[in-house]
Amino acid sequence: MDDPIRRIRLSIDGAVQGVGFRFFISRHAQDLGLCGYVRNMPDGSVEIVAEGAMSRLRQLAERAERGPSMSRVTDVDLEWGPATGEFSGFDIRRGPLGR
């Protein structure tokens, strides 16, 4: 079965900052062999951009919808796109405001 390499962008809203959400996502993305990043956004959301096999990206999206035990996810915006190959690993990045 063909499992194409794709890119996913997720915007996660809710109580998702200050609860270990980025570390939770980073650990799962690395375990799944995905490349990309996760970062806090100024509006209180968390952004995830990841590339890899579509089936593994779906697994990451499912985990993001649940989040770690201290989080409360209220909304998930998901966008699919073609992979660019620009990432060599999965990183926790500082958000646009340095957080």
C-alpha atoms as a PDB file:
ATOM      1  CA  MET A   1       0.000   0.000   0.000  1.00  0.00           C
ATOM      2  CA  ASP A   2       1.290   3.453  -0.920  1.00  0.00           C
ATOM      3  CA  ASP A   3       1.777   5.864   2.014  1.00  0.00           C
ATOM      4  CA  PRO A   4       2.647   9.206   0.425  1.00  0.00           C
ATOM      5  CA  ILE A   5       4.903  11.746   2.103  1.00  0.00           C
ATOM      6  CA  ARG A   6       2.845  14.844   2.912  1.00  0.00           C
ATOM      7  CA  ARG A   7       2.850  17.961   5.056  1.00  0.00           C
ATOM      8  CA  ILE A   8       0.342  18.834   7.736  1.00  0.00           C
ATOM      9  CA  ARG A   9      -0.238  22.110   9.537  1.00  0.00           C
ATOM     10  CA  LEU A  10      -2.298  22.100  12.702  1.00  0.00           C
ATOM     11  CA  SER A  11      -3.477  25.037  14.773  1.00  0.00           C
ATOM     12  CA  ILE A  12      -4.558  23.854  18.229  1.00  0.00           C
ATOM     13  CA  ASP A  13      -6.773  26.077  20.396  1.00  0.00           C
ATOM     14  CA  GLY A  14      -7.710  25.742  24.045  1.00  0.00           C
ATOM     15  CA  ALA A  15      -5.674  25.468  27.236  1.00  0.00           C
ATOM     16  CA  VAL A  16      -2.570  24.363  25.338  1.00  0.00           C
ATOM     17  CA  GLN A  17       0.222  26.673  26.498  1.00  0.00           C
ATOM     18  CA  GLY A  18       2.078  26.146  29.758  1.00  0.00           C
ATOM     19  CA  VAL A  19       0.890  22.537  30.078  1.00  0.00           C
ATOM     20  CA  GLY A  20       3.674  20.636  28.287  1.00  0.00           C
ATOM     21  CA  PHE A  21       1.836  20.512  24.964  1.00  0.00           C
ATOM     22  CA  ARG A  22       4.900  21.280  22.813  1.00  0.00           C
ATOM     23  CA  PHE A  23       6.983  18.609  24.563  1.00  0.00           C
ATOM     24  CA  PHE A  24       4.125  16.098  24.214  1.00  0.00           C
ATOM     25  CA  ILE A  25       3.892  16.756  20.463  1.00  0.00           C
ATOM     26  CA  SER A  26       7.660  16.774  19.962  1.00  0.00           C
ATOM     27  CA  ARG A  27       8.052  13.405  21.673  1.00  0.00           C
ATOM     28  CA  HIS A  28       5.263  11.813  19.630  1.00  0.00           C
ATOM     29  CA  ALA A  29       6.481  13.328  16.350  1.00  0.00           C
ATOM     30  CA  GLN A  30       9.989  12.004  16.966  1.00  0.00           C
ATOM     31  CA  ASP A  31       8.613   8.568  17.911  1.00  0.00           C
ATOM     32  CA  LEU A  32       6.670   8.556  14.625  1.00  0.00           C
ATOM     33  CA  GLY A  33       9.748   9.562  12.616  1.00  0.00           C
ATOM     34  CA  LEU A  34       8.276  12.898  11.509  1.00  0.00           C
ATOM     35  CA  CYS A  35      10.123  16.130  10.725  1.00  0.00           C
ATOM     36  CA  GLY A  36       8.944  19.686  11.388  1.00  0.00           C
ATOM     37  CA  TYR A  37       8.281  21.868  14.415  1.00  0.00           C
ATOM     38  CA  VAL A  38       5.842  22.893  17.116  1.00  0.00           C
ATOM     39  CA  ARG A  39       5.592  26.390  18.603  1.00  0.00           C
ATOM     40  CA  ASN A  40       3.396  28.621  20.750  1.00  0.00           C
ATOM     41  CA  MET A  41       1.537  31.396  18.956  1.00  0.00           C
ATOM     42  CA  PRO A  42       0.721  34.881  20.294  1.00  0.00           C
ATOM     43  CA  ASP A  43      -3.041  34.178  20.306  1.00  0.00           C
ATOM     44  CA  GLY A  44      -2.594  31.312  22.810  1.00  0.00           C
ATOM     45  CA  SER A  45      -2.774  28.528  20.241  1.00  0.00           C
ATOM     46  CA  VAL A  46      -0.067  26.025  19.321  1.00  0.00           C
ATOM     47  CA  GLU A  47       1.086  25.560  15.727  1.00  0.00           C
ATOM     48  CA  ILE A  48       2.376  22.210  14.468  1.00  0.00           C
ATOM     49  CA  VAL A  49       3.979  21.755  11.053  1.00  0.00           C
ATOM     50  CA  ALA A  50       5.097  18.224  10.257  1.00  0.00           C
ATOM     51  CA  GLU A  51       6.137  16.170   7.250  1.00  0.00           C
ATOM     52  CA  GLY A  52       6.223  12.422   6.800  1.00  0.00           C
ATOM     53  CA  ALA A  53       4.118   9.445   5.835  1.00  0.00           C
ATOM     54  CA  MET A  54       0.431  10.339   5.721  1.00  0.00           C
ATOM     55  CA  SER A  55      -0.550   7.513   8.099  1.00  0.00           C
ATOM     56  CA  ARG A  56       1.919   8.780  10.708  1.00  0.00           C
ATOM     57  CA  LEU A  57       0.768  12.375  10.273  1.00  0.00           C
ATOM     58  CA  ARG A  58      -2.779  11.197  10.972  1.00  0.00           C
ATOM     59  CA  GLN A  59      -1.537   9.568  14.187  1.00  0.00           C
ATOM     60  CA  LEU A  60       0.121  12.827  15.237  1.00  0.00           C
ATOM     61  CA  ALA A  61      -3.088  14.761  14.501  1.00  0.00           C
ATOM     62  CA  GLU A  62      -5.082  12.328  16.670  1.00  0.00           C
ATOM     63  CA  ARG A  63      -2.634  12.797  19.546  1.00  0.00           C
ATOM     64  CA  ALA A  64      -2.761  16.572  19.125  1.00  0.00           C
ATOM     65  CA  GLU A  65      -6.564  16.481  19.358  1.00  0.00           C
ATOM     66  CA  ARG A  66      -6.262  14.729  22.745  1.00  0.00           C
ATOM     67  CA  GLY A  67      -3.180  16.568  24.025  1.00  0.00           C
ATOM     68  CA  PRO A  68      -1.373  15.846  27.293  1.00  0.00           C
ATOM     69  CA  SER A  69      -3.403  15.298  30.449  1.00  0.00           C
ATOM     70  CA  MET A  70      -3.113  18.905  31.689  1.00  0.00           C
ATOM     71  CA  SER A  71      -4.309  20.434  28.403  1.00  0.00           C
ATOM     72  CA  ARG A  72      -7.823  21.070  27.137  1.00  0.00           C
ATOM     73  CA  VAL A  73      -8.121  21.171  23.351  1.00  0.00           C
ATOM     74  CA  THR A  74     -11.200  23.067  22.138  1.00  0.00           C
ATOM     75  CA  ASP A  75     -10.549  23.359  18.390  1.00  0.00           C
ATOM     76  CA  VAL A  76      -8.179  21.953  15.770  1.00  0.00           C
ATOM     77  CA  ASP A  77      -7.634  23.510  12.347  1.00  0.00           C
ATOM     78  CA  LEU A  78      -5.926  21.057   9.995  1.00  0.00           C
ATOM     79  CA  GLU A  79      -4.432  21.749   6.551  1.00  0.00           C
ATOM     80  CA  TRP A  80      -2.785  19.183   4.232  1.00  0.00           C
ATOM     81  CA  GLY A  81      -0.182  20.078   1.644  1.00  0.00           C
ATOM     82  CA  PRO A  82       2.761  18.726  -0.296  1.00  0.00           C
ATOM     83  CA  ALA A  83       5.963  17.987   1.601  1.00  0.00           C
ATOM     84  CA  THR A  84       8.846  20.390   0.979  1.00  0.00           C
ATOM     85  CA  GLY A  85      11.658  18.363   2.541  1.00  0.00           C
ATOM     86  CA  GLU A  86      12.937  21.455   4.343  1.00  0.00           C
ATOM     87  CA  PHE A  87      13.158  19.811   7.796  1.00  0.00           C
ATOM     88  CA  SER A  88      15.866  17.466   9.042  1.00  0.00           C
ATOM     89  CA  GLY A  89      14.304  16.691  12.420  1.00  0.00           C
ATOM     90  CA  PHE A  90      11.486  17.765  14.714  1.00  0.00           C
ATOM     91  CA  ASP A  91      12.050  20.876  16.832  1.00  0.00           C
ATOM     92  CA  ILE A  92      10.357  22.891  19.534  1.00  0.00           C
ATOM     93  CA  ARG A  93      10.610  26.463  18.282  1.00  0.00           C
ATOM     94  CA  ARG A  94      10.101  29.793  19.938  1.00  0.00           C
ATOM     95  CA  GLY A  95       6.911  31.480  18.874  1.00  0.00           C
ATOM     96  CA  PRO A  96       6.843  34.792  17.015  1.00  0.00           C
ATOM     97  CA  LEU A  97       6.991  36.668  20.344  1.00  0.00           C
ATOM     98  CA  GLY A  98       9.960  34.642  21.617  1.00  0.00           C
ATOM     99  CA  ARG A  99       7.980  32.274  23.869  1.00  0.00           C
END
